[in-house]
C-alpha atoms as a PDB file:
ATOM      1  CA  MET A   1       0.000   0.000   0.000  1.00  0.00           C
ATOM      2  CA  LEU A   2       2.776   2.452   0.933  1.00  0.00           C
ATOM      3  CA  SER A   3       4.731   1.670  -2.243  1.00  0.00           C
ATOM      4  CA  ASN A   4       1.652   2.249  -4.410  1.00  0.00           C
ATOM      5  CA  PHE A   5       0.991   5.559  -2.651  1.00  0.00           C
ATOM      6  CA  LEU A   6       4.574   6.722  -3.166  1.00  0.00           C
ATOM      7  CA  PHE A   7       4.491   5.574  -6.799  1.00  0.00           C
ATOM      8  CA  LYS A   8       1.474   7.803  -7.473  1.00  0.00           C
ATOM      9  CA  LEU A   9       3.240  10.801  -5.937  1.00  0.00           C
ATOM     10  CA  LEU A  10       6.369  10.398  -8.059  1.00  0.00           C
ATOM     11  CA  PRO A  11       6.394  11.752 -11.616  1.00  0.00           C
ATOM     12  CA  THR A  12       6.015   9.185 -14.395  1.00  0.00           C
ATOM     13  CA  VAL A  13       9.048   8.777 -16.659  1.00  0.00           C
ATOM     14  CA  ASN A  14       8.251   7.063 -19.948  1.00  0.00           C
ATOM     15  CA  CYS A  15      10.753   5.284 -22.155  1.00  0.00           C
ATOM     16  CA  ASP A  16       9.954   6.728 -25.592  1.00  0.00           C
ATOM     17  CA  VAL A  17      13.419   6.451 -27.078  1.00  0.00           C
ATOM     18  CA  ALA A  18      15.779   3.565 -27.719  1.00  0.00           C
ATOM     19  CA  GLU A  19      18.467   2.988 -25.104  1.00  0.00           C
ATOM     20  CA  PRO A  20      21.880   1.269 -25.371  1.00  0.00           C
ATOM     21  CA  TRP A  21      21.616  -2.499 -24.835  1.00  0.00           C
ATOM     22  CA  GLN A  22      17.851  -2.246 -24.451  1.00  0.00           C
ATOM     23  CA  LEU A  23      16.083  -5.624 -24.248  1.00  0.00           C
ATOM     24  CA  SER A  24      12.547  -4.558 -23.328  1.00  0.00           C
ATOM     25  CA  PHE A  25       9.931  -2.630 -25.291  1.00  0.00           C
ATOM     26  CA  GLN A  26       9.517   1.101 -25.191  1.00  0.00           C
ATOM     27  CA  ASP A  27       6.517   2.368 -23.221  1.00  0.00           C
ATOM     28  CA  GLY A  28       3.420   2.216 -25.384  1.00  0.00           C
ATOM     29  CA  ALA A  29       1.449   5.317 -26.311  1.00  0.00           C
ATOM     30  CA  SER A  30      -1.223   3.854 -28.594  1.00  0.00           C
ATOM     31  CA  PRO A  31      -3.787   1.016 -28.423  1.00  0.00           C
ATOM     32  CA  SER A  32      -2.091  -0.860 -31.270  1.00  0.00           C
ATOM     33  CA  PHE A  33       1.252  -0.963 -29.470  1.00  0.00           C
ATOM     34  CA  GLU A  34      -0.437  -2.103 -26.252  1.00  0.00           C
ATOM     35  CA  GLY A  35      -2.003  -4.927 -28.272  1.00  0.00           C
ATOM     36  CA  ILE A  36       1.431  -5.872 -29.641  1.00  0.00           C
ATOM     37  CA  VAL A  37       2.903  -6.031 -26.131  1.00  0.00           C
ATOM     38  CA  ASP A  38      -0.041  -8.064 -24.781  1.00  0.00           C
ATOM     39  CA  LEU A  39       0.270 -10.560 -27.646  1.00  0.00           C
ATOM     40  CA  HIS A  40       4.031 -10.830 -27.077  1.00  0.00           C
ATOM     41  CA  ASP A  41       3.574 -11.449 -23.331  1.00  0.00           C
ATOM     42  CA  GLN A  42       0.887 -14.099 -23.862  1.00  0.00           C
ATOM     43  CA  ILE A  43       2.900 -16.003 -26.472  1.00  0.00           C
ATOM     44  CA  MET A  44       6.102 -15.708 -24.448  1.00  0.00           C
ATOM     45  CA  PHE A  45       4.392 -17.233 -21.396  1.00  0.00           C
ATOM     46  CA  TYR A  46       3.469 -20.391 -23.289  1.00  0.00           C
ATOM     47  CA  LEU A  47       6.814 -20.504 -25.099  1.00  0.00           C
ATOM     48  CA  VAL A  48       8.634 -20.545 -21.764  1.00  0.00           C
ATOM     49  CA  ILE A  49       6.458 -23.457 -20.587  1.00  0.00           C
ATOM     50  CA  ILE A  50       7.133 -25.349 -23.842  1.00  0.00           C
ATOM     51  CA  VAL A  51      10.900 -24.732 -23.646  1.00  0.00           C
ATOM     52  CA  ILE A  52      11.029 -25.932 -20.032  1.00  0.00           C
ATOM     53  CA  GLY A  53       8.942 -29.025 -20.830  1.00  0.00           C
ATOM     54  CA  VAL A  54      10.959 -30.001 -23.910  1.00  0.00           C
ATOM     55  CA  SER A  55      14.267 -29.379 -22.108  1.00  0.00           C
ATOM     56  CA  TRP A  56      13.136 -31.527 -19.170  1.00  0.00           C
ATOM     57  CA  MET A  57      12.158 -34.409 -21.471  1.00  0.00           C
ATOM     58  CA  LEU A  58      15.429 -34.216 -23.406  1.00  0.00           C
ATOM     59  CA  GLY A  59      17.398 -34.143 -20.162  1.00  0.00           C
ATOM     60  CA  ILE A  60      15.583 -37.201 -18.801  1.00  0.00           C
ATOM     61  CA  ILE A  61      16.199 -39.092 -22.048  1.00  0.00           C
ATOM     62  CA  ILE A  62      19.903 -38.199 -22.092  1.00  0.00           C
ATOM     63  CA  VAL A  63      20.418 -39.168 -18.441  1.00  0.00           C
ATOM     64  CA  LYS A  64      18.249 -42.284 -18.117  1.00  0.00           C
ATOM     65  CA  PHE A  65      18.327 -43.745 -21.612  1.00  0.00           C
ATOM     66  CA  ASN A  66      21.948 -43.465 -22.699  1.00  0.00           C
ATOM     67  CA  THR A  67      23.971 -46.388 -24.068  1.00  0.00           C
ATOM     68  CA  ALA A  68      25.722 -46.958 -20.731  1.00  0.00           C
ATOM     69  CA  LYS A  69      22.443 -47.636 -18.895  1.00  0.00           C
ATOM     70  CA  ASN A  70      20.632 -49.231 -21.838  1.00  0.00           C
ATOM     71  CA  PRO A  71      23.079 -51.300 -23.906  1.00  0.00           C
ATOM     72  CA  ILE A  72      20.184 -53.215 -25.489  1.00  0.00           C
ATOM     73  CA  VAL A  73      17.723 -50.945 -27.341  1.00  0.00           C
ATOM     74  CA  TYR A  74      14.080 -51.948 -27.662  1.00  0.00           C
ATOM     75  CA  LYS A  75      12.958 -51.146 -31.211  1.00  0.00           C
ATOM     76  CA  TYR A  76       9.748 -49.302 -30.186  1.00  0.00           C
ATOM     77  CA  PHE A  77      11.795 -46.877 -28.070  1.00  0.00           C
ATOM     78  CA  THR A  78      13.415 -45.450 -31.220  1.00  0.00           C
ATOM     79  CA  HIS A  79      10.630 -45.879 -33.776  1.00  0.00           C
ATOM     80  CA  GLY A  80       7.063 -45.294 -32.593  1.00  0.00           C
ATOM     81  CA  THR A  81       4.245 -44.099 -34.833  1.00  0.00           C
ATOM     82  CA  VAL A  82       2.135 -42.812 -31.933  1.00  0.00           C
ATOM     83  CA  ILE A  83       4.831 -40.664 -30.353  1.00  0.00           C
ATOM     84  CA  GLU A  84       5.827 -39.281 -33.760  1.00  0.00           C
ATOM     85  CA  LEU A  85       2.218 -38.288 -34.401  1.00  0.00           C
ATOM     86  CA  ILE A  86       2.037 -36.609 -30.989  1.00  0.00           C
ATOM     87  CA  TRP A  87       5.136 -34.481 -31.453  1.00  0.00           C
ATOM     88  CA  THR A  88       4.008 -33.539 -34.981  1.00  0.00           C
ATOM     89  CA  VAL A  89       0.341 -32.717 -34.290  1.00  0.00           C
ATOM     90  CA  THR A  90       0.894 -30.914 -30.964  1.00  0.00           C
ATOM     91  CA  PRO A  91       3.100 -28.131 -32.419  1.00  0.00           C
ATOM     92  CA  ALA A  92       0.552 -27.696 -35.219  1.00  0.00           C
ATOM     93  CA  PHE A  93      -2.185 -27.013 -32.646  1.00  0.00           C
ATOM     94  CA  VAL A  94       0.141 -24.604 -30.834  1.00  0.00           C
ATOM     95  CA  LEU A  95       0.767 -22.660 -34.060  1.00  0.00           C
ATOM     96  CA  VAL A  96      -2.969 -22.486 -34.764  1.00  0.00           C
ATOM     97  CA  ALA A  97      -3.580 -21.163 -31.234  1.00  0.00           C
ATOM     98  CA  ILE A  98      -0.956 -18.471 -31.827  1.00  0.00           C
ATOM     99  CA  ALA A  99      -2.276 -17.601 -35.295  1.00  0.00           C
ATOM    100  CA  PHE A 100      -5.798 -16.590 -34.230  1.00  0.00           C
ATOM    101  CA  PRO A 101      -4.840 -13.701 -31.885  1.00  0.00           C
ATOM    102  CA  SER A 102      -1.992 -12.708 -34.234  1.00  0.00           C
ATOM    103  CA  PHE A 103      -4.281 -12.337 -37.268  1.00  0.00           C
ATOM    104  CA  ARG A 104      -6.899 -10.557 -35.162  1.00  0.00           C
ATOM    105  CA  LEU A 105      -4.371  -7.948 -34.037  1.00  0.00           C
ATOM    106  CA  LEU A 106      -2.974  -7.640 -37.567  1.00  0.00           C
ATOM    107  CA  TYR A 107      -6.383  -6.884 -39.081  1.00  0.00           C
ATOM    108  CA  LEU A 108      -7.223  -4.415 -36.306  1.00  0.00           C
ATOM    109  CA  MET A 109      -3.966  -2.549 -36.945  1.00  0.00           C
ATOM    110  CA  ASP A 110      -4.603  -2.430 -40.711  1.00  0.00           C
ATOM    111  CA  GLU A 111      -8.063  -0.924 -40.300  1.00  0.00           C
ATOM    112  CA  VAL A 112      -8.191   2.855 -40.724  1.00  0.00           C
ATOM    113  CA  ILE A 113     -11.132   4.241 -38.740  1.00  0.00           C
ATOM    114  CA  ASP A 114     -12.470   7.591 -40.030  1.00  0.00           C
ATOM    115  CA  PRO A 115      -9.274   9.627 -39.504  1.00  0.00           C
ATOM    116  CA  ALA A 116      -9.588  13.229 -38.360  1.00  0.00           C
ATOM    117  CA  ILE A 117      -6.085  14.124 -39.616  1.00  0.00           C
ATOM    118  CA  THR A 118      -4.123  12.825 -42.589  1.00  0.00           C
ATOM    119  CA  VAL A 119      -0.361  13.249 -42.791  1.00  0.00           C
ATOM    120  CA  LYS A 120       1.556  12.373 -45.942  1.00  0.00           C
ATOM    121  CA  ALA A 121       5.114  11.195 -45.343  1.00  0.00           C
ATOM    122  CA  VAL A 122       7.603  10.842 -48.197  1.00  0.00           C
ATOM    123  CA  GLY A 123      10.930   9.124 -47.628  1.00  0.00           C
ATOM    124  CA  SER A 124      13.941  10.437 -49.507  1.00  0.00           C
ATOM    125  CA  GLN A 125      17.677   9.914 -49.353  1.00  0.00           C
ATOM    126  CA  TRP A 126      18.088  10.836 -46.520  1.00  0.00           C
ATOM    127  CA  PHE A 127      15.301  12.809 -44.917  1.00  0.00           C
ATOM    128  CA  TRP A 128      11.522  12.774 -44.515  1.00  0.00           C
ATOM    129  CA  SER A 129       9.018  15.178 -46.048  1.00  0.00           C
ATOM    130  CA  TYR A 130       5.620  15.746 -44.451  1.00  0.00           C
ATOM    131  CA  GLU A 131       2.413  17.312 -45.709  1.00  0.00           C
ATOM    132  CA  TYR A 132      -0.773  18.128 -43.778  1.00  0.00           C
ATOM    133  CA  SER A 133      -3.126  18.142 -46.751  1.00  0.00           C
ATOM    134  CA  ASP A 134      -6.230  18.751 -44.598  1.00  0.00           C
ATOM    135  CA  TYR A 135      -5.200  22.362 -43.986  1.00  0.00           C
ATOM    136  CA  ILE A 136      -4.825  24.961 -46.732  1.00  0.00           C
ATOM    137  CA  SER A 137      -3.326  28.396 -46.186  1.00  0.00           C
ATOM    138  CA  ASP A 138      -4.596  31.613 -47.767  1.00  0.00           C
ATOM    139  CA  SER A 139      -2.148  31.095 -50.617  1.00  0.00           C
ATOM    140  CA  GLY A 140      -3.728  27.723 -51.405  1.00  0.00           C
ATOM    141  CA  GLU A 141      -0.756  25.679 -50.228  1.00  0.00           C
ATOM    142  CA  PRO A 142      -0.960  22.902 -47.588  1.00  0.00           C
ATOM    143  CA  ILE A 143       1.312  22.728 -44.565  1.00  0.00           C
ATOM    144  CA  ALA A 144       4.462  20.978 -45.808  1.00  0.00           C
ATOM    145  CA  PHE A 145       8.037  20.769 -44.593  1.00  0.00           C
ATOM    146  CA  ASP A 146      11.160  18.619 -44.726  1.00  0.00           C
ATOM    147  CA  SER A 147      12.616  17.011 -41.610  1.00  0.00           C
ATOM    148  CA  PHE A 148      16.382  16.555 -41.407  1.00  0.00           C
ATOM    149  CA  MET A 149      18.478  15.106 -38.629  1.00  0.00           C
ATOM    150  CA  VAL A 150      20.154  17.687 -36.411  1.00  0.00           C
ATOM    151  CA  PRO A 151      23.968  17.372 -36.691  1.00  0.00           C
ATOM    152  CA  GLU A 152      25.805  16.418 -33.539  1.00  0.00           C
ATOM    153  CA  ALA A 153      27.536  19.790 -33.397  1.00  0.00           C
ATOM    154  CA  ASP A 154      24.166  21.604 -33.283  1.00  0.00           C
ATOM    155  CA  LEU A 155      22.525  19.504 -30.568  1.00  0.00           C
ATOM    156  CA  GLU A 156      21.212  21.296 -27.500  1.00  0.00           C
ATOM    157  CA  GLU A 157      21.277  19.950 -23.969  1.00  0.00           C
ATOM    158  CA  GLY A 158      18.800  17.103 -23.538  1.00  0.00           C
ATOM    159  CA  GLN A 159      18.518  16.264 -27.237  1.00  0.00           C
ATOM    160  CA  PHE A 160      19.388  12.799 -28.490  1.00  0.00           C
ATOM    161  CA  ARG A 161      22.230  12.131 -30.897  1.00  0.00           C
ATOM    162  CA  LEU A 162      21.112  10.707 -34.287  1.00  0.00           C
ATOM    163  CA  LEU A 163      17.440  11.076 -33.266  1.00  0.00           C
ATOM    164  CA  GLU A 164      16.673  14.797 -33.079  1.00  0.00           C
ATOM    165  CA  VAL A 165      15.264  16.593 -36.147  1.00  0.00           C
ATOM    166  CA  ASP A 166      14.878  20.233 -37.128  1.00  0.00           C
ATOM    167  CA  ASN A 167      11.119  19.921 -37.839  1.00  0.00           C
ATOM    168  CA  ARG A 168       8.970  17.602 -35.753  1.00  0.00           C
ATOM    169  CA  VAL A 169       5.633  16.081 -36.715  1.00  0.00           C
ATOM    170  CA  VAL A 170       3.148  17.694 -34.334  1.00  0.00           C
ATOM    171  CA  LEU A 171      -0.066  15.749 -33.649  1.00  0.00           C
ATOM    172  CA  PRO A 172      -2.866  16.021 -31.086  1.00  0.00           C
ATOM    173  CA  VAL A 173      -3.583  13.308 -28.548  1.00  0.00           C
ATOM    174  CA  ASP A 174      -6.842  11.308 -28.491  1.00  0.00           C
ATOM    175  CA  THR A 175      -7.306  11.782 -32.242  1.00  0.00           C
ATOM    176  CA  HIS A 176      -7.425   9.277 -35.090  1.00  0.00           C
ATOM    177  CA  VAL A 177      -4.488  10.048 -37.372  1.00  0.00           C
ATOM    178  CA  ARG A 178      -3.767   8.469 -40.751  1.00  0.00           C
ATOM    179  CA  PHE A 179      -0.324   8.329 -42.331  1.00  0.00           C
ATOM    180  CA  ILE A 180       0.008   7.960 -46.108  1.00  0.00           C
ATOM    181  CA  LEU A 181       3.513   6.819 -47.034  1.00  0.00           C
ATOM    182  CA  THR A 182       5.554   6.649 -50.187  1.00  0.00           C
ATOM    183  CA  GLY A 183       9.157   6.962 -51.300  1.00  0.00           C
ATOM    184  CA  SER A 184      10.703   9.381 -53.774  1.00  0.00           C
ATOM    185  CA  ASP A 185      13.753   7.314 -54.747  1.00  0.00           C
ATOM    186  CA  VAL A 186      14.255   3.956 -52.992  1.00  0.00           C
ATOM    187  CA  ILE A 187      12.330   1.909 -50.433  1.00  0.00           C
ATOM    188  CA  HIS A 188      12.255   3.422 -46.946  1.00  0.00           C
ATOM    189  CA  SER A 189      10.380   2.327 -43.823  1.00  0.00           C
ATOM    190  CA  PHE A 190       8.491   4.609 -41.424  1.00  0.00           C
ATOM    191  CA  ALA A 191       8.876   3.183 -37.915  1.00  0.00           C
ATOM    192  CA  VAL A 192       7.975   4.675 -34.519  1.00  0.00           C
ATOM    193  CA  PRO A 193       8.102   1.833 -31.947  1.00  0.00           C
ATOM    194  CA  ALA A 194       6.237   3.555 -29.092  1.00  0.00           C
ATOM    195  CA  LEU A 195       3.219   4.091 -31.377  1.00  0.00           C
ATOM    196  CA  GLY A 196       3.312   0.646 -32.987  1.00  0.00           C
ATOM    197  CA  LEU A 197       4.030   2.149 -36.409  1.00  0.00           C
ATOM    198  CA  LYS A 198       6.134   0.397 -39.031  1.00  0.00           C
ATOM    199  CA  LEU A 199       5.256   0.590 -42.709  1.00  0.00           C
ATOM    200  CA  ASP A 200       7.273   0.607 -45.923  1.00  0.00           C
ATOM    201  CA  ALA A 201       7.482   3.757 -48.051  1.00  0.00           C
ATOM    202  CA  ILE A 202       7.743   2.409 -51.602  1.00  0.00           C
ATOM    203  CA  PRO A 203       8.274   4.610 -54.684  1.00  0.00           C
ATOM    204  CA  GLY A 204       5.240   4.647 -56.965  1.00  0.00           C
ATOM    205  CA  ARG A 205       2.979   3.152 -54.327  1.00  0.00           C
ATOM    206  CA  LEU A 206       0.884   4.569 -51.477  1.00  0.00           C
ATOM    207  CA  ASN A 207       0.704   2.716 -48.183  1.00  0.00           C
ATOM    208  CA  GLN A 208      -1.460   3.842 -45.302  1.00  0.00           C
ATOM    209  CA  THR A 209      -1.602   3.178 -41.599  1.00  0.00           C
ATOM    210  CA  SER A 210      -3.261   4.833 -38.625  1.00  0.00           C
ATOM    211  CA  THR A 211      -2.563   5.554 -34.995  1.00  0.00           C
ATOM    212  CA  PHE A 212      -4.302   6.934 -31.933  1.00  0.00           C
ATOM    213  CA  ILE A 213      -1.921   8.639 -29.515  1.00  0.00           C
ATOM    214  CA  ASN A 214      -3.232   8.463 -25.964  1.00  0.00           C
ATOM    215  CA  ARG A 215      -0.691  10.620 -24.123  1.00  0.00           C
ATOM    216  CA  GLU A 216       1.528  13.606 -24.723  1.00  0.00           C
ATOM    217  CA  GLY A 217       5.236  13.229 -25.330  1.00  0.00           C
ATOM    218  CA  LEU A 218       8.060  12.959 -27.835  1.00  0.00           C
ATOM    219  CA  PHE A 219       8.197   9.697 -29.765  1.00  0.00           C
ATOM    220  CA  TYR A 220      11.315   8.811 -31.712  1.00  0.00           C
ATOM    221  CA  GLY A 221      11.712   6.498 -34.664  1.00  0.00           C
ATOM    222  CA  GLN A 222      14.019   5.800 -37.581  1.00  0.00           C
ATOM    223  CA  CYS A 223      13.972   4.443 -41.091  1.00  0.00           C
ATOM    224  CA  SER A 224      13.863   0.658 -40.788  1.00  0.00           C
ATOM    225  CA  GLU A 225      14.761  -0.254 -44.360  1.00  0.00           C
ATOM    226  CA  ILE A 226      18.377  -0.127 -45.507  1.00  0.00           C
ATOM    227  CA  CYS A 227      18.127   2.704 -48.036  1.00  0.00           C
ATOM    228  CA  GLY A 228      21.717   3.681 -48.681  1.00  0.00           C
ATOM    229  CA  VAL A 229      24.886   4.955 -47.089  1.00  0.00           C
ATOM    230  CA  ASN A 230      23.063   7.432 -44.775  1.00  0.00           C
ATOM    231  CA  HIS A 231      20.265   5.050 -43.832  1.00  0.00           C
ATOM    232  CA  GLY A 232      20.980   5.516 -40.119  1.00  0.00           C
ATOM    233  CA  PHE A 233      20.704   9.319 -40.340  1.00  0.00           C
ATOM    234  CA  MET A 234      17.041   9.950 -41.184  1.00  0.00           C
ATOM    235  CA  PRO A 235      15.184   9.844 -37.842  1.00  0.00           C
ATOM    236  CA  ILE A 236      11.497  10.489 -37.152  1.00  0.00           C
ATOM    237  CA  VAL A 237      10.186  12.587 -34.259  1.00  0.00           C
ATOM    238  CA  ILE A 238       6.477  12.836 -33.454  1.00  0.00           C
ATOM    239  CA  GLU A 239       5.470  15.401 -30.855  1.00  0.00           C
ATOM    240  CA  ALA A 240       2.090  14.621 -29.302  1.00  0.00           C
ATOM    241  CA  VAL A 241       0.456  17.660 -27.720  1.00  0.00           C
ATOM    242  CA  SER A 242      -2.926  18.688 -26.397  1.00  0.00           C
ATOM    243  CA  LEU A 243      -5.600  19.845 -28.826  1.00  0.00           C
ATOM    244  CA  GLU A 244      -5.171  23.460 -27.709  1.00  0.00           C
ATOM    245  CA  LYS A 245      -1.426  23.420 -28.389  1.00  0.00           C
ATOM    246  CA  TYR A 246      -2.035  21.690 -31.721  1.00  0.00           C
ATOM    247  CA  MET A 247      -4.463  24.398 -32.825  1.00  0.00           C
ATOM    248  CA  ALA A 248      -1.930  27.070 -31.816  1.00  0.00           C
ATOM    249  CA  TRP A 249       0.752  25.270 -33.858  1.00  0.00           C
ATOM    250  CA  LEU A 250      -1.611  25.099 -36.853  1.00  0.00           C
ATOM    251  CA  ASN A 251      -2.312  28.822 -36.676  1.00  0.00           C
ATOM    252  CA  GLU A 252       1.402  29.499 -36.555  1.00  0.00           C
ATOM    253  CA  GLN A 253       2.068  27.314 -39.593  1.00  0.00           C
ATOM    254  CA  LEU A 254      -0.812  28.726 -41.644  1.00  0.00           C
ATOM    255  CA  SER A 255       0.147  32.293 -40.911  1.00  0.00           C
END
């Protein structure tokens, strides 16, 4: 009880950026990513049980049924139709049990539900271009900008090396957002782990995905398709803000 009380008093620190030697997931900020983590945890639980069970059986066989203890081998100990059927059919049922929740999550993530905002993202060597085509300025042009990585020499205190950009993608929380992706030269991949986003940007083709950000913060990502010599230098930064701050940002951009 005391630990829970103290935990509520302390500020929450979310892991929204990759860390050196990181083994765990980043903290989720969208329903799709929470579904990915839940599916991973459920499958991992049963995989651990299977690994322990199979290892125990192999250990028993090695210890109790080696040639020193069993110089004479009974033929049905090495060739048995029933046991071969069991160890063939059982993994098939396990794979089917894993497939149902996996396909369910996959189809839910692919569904785009009546987006309120559409952002076009174009991957180029080696930067990202963004366009908010829902908003048109007085000159008839949409909000559009390029996003380049900030060089190490220009980083300010608190910014992350190889991850900070000069122009962030600003989005409101609790809003259905659609991303339309393509590439201008070679195949790129738009990936933001904390939001459960990862989709290829292919030249001559439009791919779409959606997200629903449920908390404010800075979410970092990178191109996840080897696209050339500077592949590791085209990061993605999404800044999730309140609706009021988003409207103020829009007014600033349109003016």
